[in-house]
Amino acid sequence: MNAANFDKSERLQKVAKLLGGGGEYTTMDIIKKAGVCAVNSIISELRENGYIITCERRHNKWFYRMVK
């Protein structure tokens, strides 16, 4: 996978800012609040850029949280 460079990617920056504020967010939360799509790909790219993001499935929803 070729992850986008964080400094040049507005979509990565939007999601990092959202998750960096604390709390956990579902896939749909991230889509709506950050105005992005392909959340799983963005999370993967953020991880490639050094961010630690956990993901947990509860029933039929995925929850993401950034570890500081």
PDB file of N, CA and C in Angstrom:
ATOM      1  N   MET A   1       0.846  -1.184   0.000  1.00  0.00           N
ATOM      2  CA  MET A   1       0.000   0.000   0.000  1.00  0.00           C
ATOM      3  C   MET A   1       0.885   1.239   0.000  1.00  0.00           C
ATOM      4  N   ASN A   2       0.497   2.203  -0.770  1.00  0.00           N
ATOM      5  CA  ASN A   2       1.183   3.485  -0.789  1.00  0.00           C
ATOM      6  C   ASN A   2       0.327   4.502  -0.047  1.00  0.00           C
ATOM      7  N   ALA A   3       0.689   4.748   1.198  1.00  0.00           N
ATOM      8  CA  ALA A   3      -0.070   5.686   2.016  1.00  0.00           C
ATOM      9  C   ALA A   3       0.240   7.113   1.599  1.00  0.00           C
ATOM     10  N   ALA A   4      -0.775   7.951   1.652  1.00  0.00           N
ATOM     11  CA  ALA A   4      -0.593   9.368   1.355  1.00  0.00           C
ATOM     12  C   ALA A   4       0.283  10.009   2.426  1.00  0.00           C
ATOM     13  N   ASN A   5       1.007  11.039   2.038  1.00  0.00           N
ATOM     14  CA  ASN A   5       1.797  11.817   2.976  1.00  0.00           C
ATOM     15  C   ASN A   5       0.836  12.681   3.791  1.00  0.00           C
ATOM     16  N   PHE A   6       0.926  12.590   5.112  1.00  0.00           N
ATOM     17  CA  PHE A   6      -0.002  13.306   5.989  1.00  0.00           C
ATOM     18  C   PHE A   6      -0.018  14.808   5.695  1.00  0.00           C
ATOM     19  N   ASP A   7       1.160  15.399   5.512  1.00  0.00           N
ATOM     20  CA  ASP A   7       1.248  16.847   5.316  1.00  0.00           C
ATOM     21  C   ASP A   7       0.583  17.318   4.028  1.00  0.00           C
ATOM     22  N   LYS A   8       0.376  16.403   3.092  1.00  0.00           N
ATOM     23  CA  LYS A   8      -0.208  16.771   1.800  1.00  0.00           C
ATOM     24  C   LYS A   8      -1.632  16.259   1.609  1.00  0.00           C
ATOM     25  N   SER A   9      -2.201  15.644   2.647  1.00  0.00           N
ATOM     26  CA  SER A   9      -3.518  15.028   2.500  1.00  0.00           C
ATOM     27  C   SER A   9      -4.549  15.659   3.441  1.00  0.00           C
ATOM     28  N   GLU A  10      -5.436  16.419   2.853  1.00  0.00           N
ATOM     29  CA  GLU A  10      -6.487  17.067   3.643  1.00  0.00           C
ATOM     30  C   GLU A  10      -7.396  16.036   4.311  1.00  0.00           C
ATOM     31  N   ARG A  11      -7.691  14.929   3.613  1.00  0.00           N
ATOM     32  CA  ARG A  11      -8.591  13.930   4.189  1.00  0.00           C
ATOM     33  C   ARG A  11      -7.966  13.247   5.400  1.00  0.00           C
ATOM     34  N   LEU A  12      -6.667  12.969   5.350  1.00  0.00           N
ATOM     35  CA  LEU A  12      -6.006  12.391   6.521  1.00  0.00           C
ATOM     36  C   LEU A  12      -5.993  13.395   7.667  1.00  0.00           C
ATOM     37  N   GLN A  13      -5.738  14.638   7.366  1.00  0.00           N
ATOM     38  CA  GLN A  13      -5.700  15.678   8.392  1.00  0.00           C
ATOM     39  C   GLN A  13      -7.059  15.858   9.060  1.00  0.00           C
ATOM     40  N   LYS A  14      -8.130  15.810   8.275  1.00  0.00           N
ATOM     41  CA  LYS A  14      -9.482  15.957   8.833  1.00  0.00           C
ATOM     42  C   LYS A  14      -9.795  14.844   9.827  1.00  0.00           C
ATOM     43  N   VAL A  15      -9.482  13.611   9.457  1.00  0.00           N
ATOM     44  CA  VAL A  15      -9.802  12.478  10.325  1.00  0.00           C
ATOM     45  C   VAL A  15      -8.889  12.474  11.549  1.00  0.00           C
ATOM     46  N   ALA A  16      -7.626  12.815  11.381  1.00  0.00           N
ATOM     47  CA  ALA A  16      -6.705  12.884  12.520  1.00  0.00           C
ATOM     48  C   ALA A  16      -7.163  13.951  13.516  1.00  0.00           C
ATOM     49  N   LYS A  17      -7.640  15.078  13.009  1.00  0.00           N
ATOM     50  CA  LYS A  17      -8.134  16.141  13.890  1.00  0.00           C
ATOM     51  C   LYS A  17      -9.361  15.669  14.661  1.00  0.00           C
ATOM     52  N   LEU A  18     -10.266  15.003  13.982  1.00  0.00           N
ATOM     53  CA  LEU A  18     -11.474  14.496  14.631  1.00  0.00           C
ATOM     54  C   LEU A  18     -11.116  13.490  15.719  1.00  0.00           C
ATOM     55  N   LEU A  19     -10.342  12.476  15.361  1.00  0.00           N
ATOM     56  CA  LEU A  19      -9.985  11.441  16.327  1.00  0.00           C
ATOM     57  C   LEU A  19      -9.076  11.980  17.431  1.00  0.00           C
ATOM     58  N   GLY A  20      -8.250  12.955  17.093  1.00  0.00           N
ATOM     59  CA  GLY A  20      -7.332  13.541  18.068  1.00  0.00           C
ATOM     60  C   GLY A  20      -8.018  14.321  19.166  1.00  0.00           C
ATOM     61  N   GLY A  21      -9.275  14.665  18.939  1.00  0.00           N
ATOM     62  CA  GLY A  21     -10.037  15.387  19.955  1.00  0.00           C
ATOM     63  C   GLY A  21     -10.506  14.501  21.095  1.00  0.00           C
ATOM     64  N   GLY A  22     -10.264  13.222  20.975  1.00  0.00           N
ATOM     65  CA  GLY A  22     -10.661  12.277  22.024  1.00  0.00           C
ATOM     66  C   GLY A  22     -11.983  11.612  21.700  1.00  0.00           C
ATOM     67  N   GLY A  23     -12.271  10.580  22.437  1.00  0.00           N
ATOM     68  CA  GLY A  23     -13.504   9.838  22.249  1.00  0.00           C
ATOM     69  C   GLY A  23     -13.367   8.785  21.171  1.00  0.00           C
ATOM     70  N   GLU A  24     -14.471   8.129  20.921  1.00  0.00           N
ATOM     71  CA  GLU A  24     -14.477   7.119  19.869  1.00  0.00           C
ATOM     72  C   GLU A  24     -15.592   7.433  18.889  1.00  0.00           C
ATOM     73  N   TYR A  25     -15.373   6.997  17.657  1.00  0.00           N
ATOM     74  CA  TYR A  25     -16.279   7.340  16.580  1.00  0.00           C
ATOM     75  C   TYR A  25     -16.564   6.117  15.729  1.00  0.00           C
ATOM     76  N   THR A  26     -17.803   5.983  15.311  1.00  0.00           N
ATOM     77  CA  THR A  26     -18.158   4.913  14.388  1.00  0.00           C
ATOM     78  C   THR A  26     -17.731   5.331  12.979  1.00  0.00           C
ATOM     79  N   THR A  27     -17.772   4.383  12.090  1.00  0.00           N
ATOM     80  CA  THR A  27     -17.456   4.682  10.690  1.00  0.00           C
ATOM     81  C   THR A  27     -18.359   5.795  10.173  1.00  0.00           C
ATOM     82  N   MET A  28     -19.651   5.714  10.469  1.00  0.00           N
ATOM     83  CA  MET A  28     -20.593   6.737   9.986  1.00  0.00           C
ATOM     84  C   MET A  28     -20.329   8.087  10.644  1.00  0.00           C
ATOM     85  N   ASP A  29     -19.947   8.094  11.925  1.00  0.00           N
ATOM     86  CA  ASP A  29     -19.578   9.353  12.582  1.00  0.00           C
ATOM     87  C   ASP A  29     -18.455  10.046  11.820  1.00  0.00           C
ATOM     88  N   ILE A  30     -17.446   9.270  11.455  1.00  0.00           N
ATOM     89  CA  ILE A  30     -16.284   9.835  10.761  1.00  0.00           C
ATOM     90  C   ILE A  30     -16.686  10.348   9.386  1.00  0.00           C
ATOM     91  N   ILE A  31     -17.506   9.591   8.684  1.00  0.00           N
ATOM     92  CA  ILE A  31     -17.977  10.030   7.364  1.00  0.00           C
ATOM     93  C   ILE A  31     -18.699  11.367   7.467  1.00  0.00           C
ATOM     94  N   LYS A  32     -19.599  11.472   8.418  1.00  0.00           N
ATOM     95  CA  LYS A  32     -20.410  12.686   8.555  1.00  0.00           C
ATOM     96  C   LYS A  32     -19.622  13.864   9.119  1.00  0.00           C
ATOM     97  N   LYS A  33     -18.843  13.639  10.166  1.00  0.00           N
ATOM     98  CA  LYS A  33     -18.158  14.745  10.850  1.00  0.00           C
ATOM     99  C   LYS A  33     -16.915  15.233  10.123  1.00  0.00           C
ATOM    100  N   ALA A  34     -16.218  14.330   9.425  1.00  0.00           N
ATOM    101  CA  ALA A  34     -15.005  14.739   8.710  1.00  0.00           C
ATOM    102  C   ALA A  34     -15.271  14.955   7.225  1.00  0.00           C
ATOM    103  N   GLY A  35     -16.426  14.531   6.748  1.00  0.00           N
ATOM    104  CA  GLY A  35     -16.766  14.720   5.342  1.00  0.00           C
ATOM    105  C   GLY A  35     -15.892  13.895   4.407  1.00  0.00           C
ATOM    106  N   VAL A  36     -15.642  12.668   4.783  1.00  0.00           N
ATOM    107  CA  VAL A  36     -14.791  11.777   3.986  1.00  0.00           C
ATOM    108  C   VAL A  36     -15.527  10.472   3.717  1.00  0.00           C
ATOM    109  N   CYS A  37     -14.960   9.646   2.867  1.00  0.00           N
ATOM    110  CA  CYS A  37     -15.461   8.291   2.668  1.00  0.00           C
ATOM    111  C   CYS A  37     -14.260   7.353   2.710  1.00  0.00           C
ATOM    112  N   ALA A  38     -14.486   6.077   2.563  1.00  0.00           N
ATOM    113  CA  ALA A  38     -13.411   5.073   2.627  1.00  0.00           C
ATOM    114  C   ALA A  38     -12.639   5.176   3.941  1.00  0.00           C
ATOM    115  N   VAL A  39     -13.385   5.174   5.027  1.00  0.00           N
ATOM    116  CA  VAL A  39     -12.796   5.357   6.355  1.00  0.00           C
ATOM    117  C   VAL A  39     -11.732   4.307   6.654  1.00  0.00           C
ATOM    118  N   ASN A  40     -11.994   3.056   6.330  1.00  0.00           N
ATOM    119  CA  ASN A  40     -11.009   2.014   6.635  1.00  0.00           C
ATOM    120  C   ASN A  40      -9.677   2.285   5.941  1.00  0.00           C
ATOM    121  N   SER A  41      -9.705   2.815   4.733  1.00  0.00           N
ATOM    122  CA  SER A  41      -8.471   3.148   4.026  1.00  0.00           C
ATOM    123  C   SER A  41      -7.755   4.321   4.682  1.00  0.00           C
ATOM    124  N   ILE A  42      -8.509   5.315   5.096  1.00  0.00           N
ATOM    125  CA  ILE A  42      -7.921   6.482   5.759  1.00  0.00           C
ATOM    126  C   ILE A  42      -7.265   6.063   7.074  1.00  0.00           C
ATOM    127  N   ILE A  43      -7.930   5.216   7.839  1.00  0.00           N
ATOM    128  CA  ILE A  43      -7.364   4.743   9.103  1.00  0.00           C
ATOM    129  C   ILE A  43      -6.062   3.998   8.838  1.00  0.00           C
ATOM    130  N   SER A  44      -6.046   3.170   7.826  1.00  0.00           N
ATOM    131  CA  SER A  44      -4.835   2.434   7.461  1.00  0.00           C
ATOM    132  C   SER A  44      -3.703   3.391   7.078  1.00  0.00           C
ATOM    133  N   GLU A  45      -4.027   4.416   6.324  1.00  0.00           N
ATOM    134  CA  GLU A  45      -3.014   5.392   5.916  1.00  0.00           C
ATOM    135  C   GLU A  45      -2.510   6.193   7.109  1.00  0.00           C
ATOM    136  N   LEU A  46      -3.391   6.542   8.029  1.00  0.00           N
ATOM    137  CA  LEU A  46      -2.954   7.241   9.236  1.00  0.00           C
ATOM    138  C   LEU A  46      -1.999   6.367  10.040  1.00  0.00           C
ATOM    139  N   ARG A  47      -2.292   5.100  10.130  1.00  0.00           N
ATOM    140  CA  ARG A  47      -1.394   4.173  10.833  1.00  0.00           C
ATOM    141  C   ARG A  47      -0.032   4.128  10.148  1.00  0.00           C
ATOM    142  N   GLU A  48      -0.023   4.114   8.810  1.00  0.00           N
ATOM    143  CA  GLU A  48       1.239   4.122   8.068  1.00  0.00           C
ATOM    144  C   GLU A  48       2.027   5.409   8.319  1.00  0.00           C
ATOM    145  N   ASN A  49       1.323   6.479   8.678  1.00  0.00           N
ATOM    146  CA  ASN A  49       1.951   7.754   8.988  1.00  0.00           C
ATOM    147  C   ASN A  49       2.303   7.888  10.468  1.00  0.00           C
ATOM    148  N   GLY A  50       2.170   6.797  11.221  1.00  0.00           N
ATOM    149  CA  GLY A  50       2.622   6.791  12.610  1.00  0.00           C
ATOM    150  C   GLY A  50       1.563   6.957  13.677  1.00  0.00           C
ATOM    151  N   TYR A  51       0.311   7.138  13.295  1.00  0.00           N
ATOM    152  CA  TYR A  51      -0.757   7.282  14.282  1.00  0.00           C
ATOM    153  C   TYR A  51      -1.160   5.910  14.807  1.00  0.00           C
ATOM    154  N   ILE A  52      -1.495   5.879  16.086  1.00  0.00           N
ATOM    155  CA  ILE A  52      -1.976   4.640  16.693  1.00  0.00           C
ATOM    156  C   ILE A  52      -3.481   4.779  16.864  1.00  0.00           C
ATOM    157  N   ILE A  53      -4.212   3.972  16.134  1.00  0.00           N
ATOM    158  CA  ILE A  53      -5.676   4.038  16.145  1.00  0.00           C
ATOM    159  C   ILE A  53      -6.205   2.632  16.379  1.00  0.00           C
ATOM    160  N   THR A  54      -7.026   2.507  17.416  1.00  0.00           N
ATOM    161  CA  THR A  54      -7.630   1.210  17.700  1.00  0.00           C
ATOM    162  C   THR A  54      -8.968   1.118  16.986  1.00  0.00           C
ATOM    163  N   CYS A  55      -9.397  -0.093  16.781  1.00  0.00           N
ATOM    164  CA  CYS A  55     -10.665  -0.356  16.121  1.00  0.00           C
ATOM    165  C   CYS A  55     -11.318  -1.529  16.827  1.00  0.00           C
ATOM    166  N   GLU A  56     -12.567  -1.368  17.184  1.00  0.00           N
ATOM    167  CA  GLU A  56     -13.291  -2.430  17.879  1.00  0.00           C
ATOM    168  C   GLU A  56     -14.675  -2.581  17.269  1.00  0.00           C
ATOM    169  N   ARG A  57     -15.058  -3.808  17.028  1.00  0.00           N
ATOM    170  CA  ARG A  57     -16.393  -4.073  16.495  1.00  0.00           C
ATOM    171  C   ARG A  57     -17.325  -4.424  17.641  1.00  0.00           C
ATOM    172  N   ARG A  58     -18.458  -3.753  17.657  1.00  0.00           N
ATOM    173  CA  ARG A  58     -19.513  -4.055  18.620  1.00  0.00           C
ATOM    174  C   ARG A  58     -20.795  -4.246  17.831  1.00  0.00           C
ATOM    175  N   HIS A  59     -21.270  -5.467  17.853  1.00  0.00           N
ATOM    176  CA  HIS A  59     -22.445  -5.862  17.073  1.00  0.00           C
ATOM    177  C   HIS A  59     -22.168  -5.586  15.597  1.00  0.00           C
ATOM    178  N   ASN A  60     -22.866  -4.650  14.987  1.00  0.00           N
ATOM    179  CA  ASN A  60     -22.655  -4.412  13.557  1.00  0.00           C
ATOM    180  C   ASN A  60     -21.972  -3.074  13.267  1.00  0.00           C
ATOM    181  N   LYS A  61     -21.325  -2.475  14.286  1.00  0.00           N
ATOM    182  CA  LYS A  61     -20.659  -1.183  14.096  1.00  0.00           C
ATOM    183  C   LYS A  61     -19.189  -1.285  14.480  1.00  0.00           C
ATOM    184  N   TRP A  62     -18.371  -0.511  13.769  1.00  0.00           N
ATOM    185  CA  TRP A  62     -16.946  -0.404  14.070  1.00  0.00           C
ATOM    186  C   TRP A  62     -16.696   0.923  14.773  1.00  0.00           C
ATOM    187  N   PHE A  63     -15.899   0.888  15.838  1.00  0.00           N
ATOM    188  CA  PHE A  63     -15.582   2.066  16.622  1.00  0.00           C
ATOM    189  C   PHE A  63     -14.067   2.324  16.571  1.00  0.00           C
ATOM    190  N   TYR A  64     -13.694   3.558  16.262  1.00  0.00           N
ATOM    191  CA  TYR A  64     -12.291   3.949  16.147  1.00  0.00           C
ATOM    192  C   TYR A  64     -11.935   4.923  17.255  1.00  0.00           C
ATOM    193  N   ARG A  65     -10.702   4.779  17.764  1.00  0.00           N
ATOM    194  CA  ARG A  65     -10.198   5.665  18.810  1.00  0.00           C
ATOM    195  C   ARG A  65      -8.699   5.877  18.581  1.00  0.00           C
ATOM    196  N   MET A  66      -8.266   7.122  18.710  1.00  0.00           N
ATOM    197  CA  MET A  66      -6.844   7.422  18.581  1.00  0.00           C
ATOM    198  C   MET A  66      -6.194   7.308  19.945  1.00  0.00           C
ATOM    199  N   VAL A  67      -5.055   6.634  19.997  1.00  0.00           N
ATOM    200  CA  VAL A  67      -4.287   6.495  21.226  1.00  0.00           C
ATOM    201  C   VAL A  67      -3.244   7.596  21.227  1.00  0.00           C
ATOM    202  N   LYS A  68      -3.207   8.352  22.280  1.00  0.00           N
ATOM    203  CA  LYS A  68      -2.263   9.484  22.351  1.00  0.00           C
ATOM    204  C   LYS A  68      -0.906   9.032  22.803  1.00  0.00           C
TER     205      LYS A  68
END
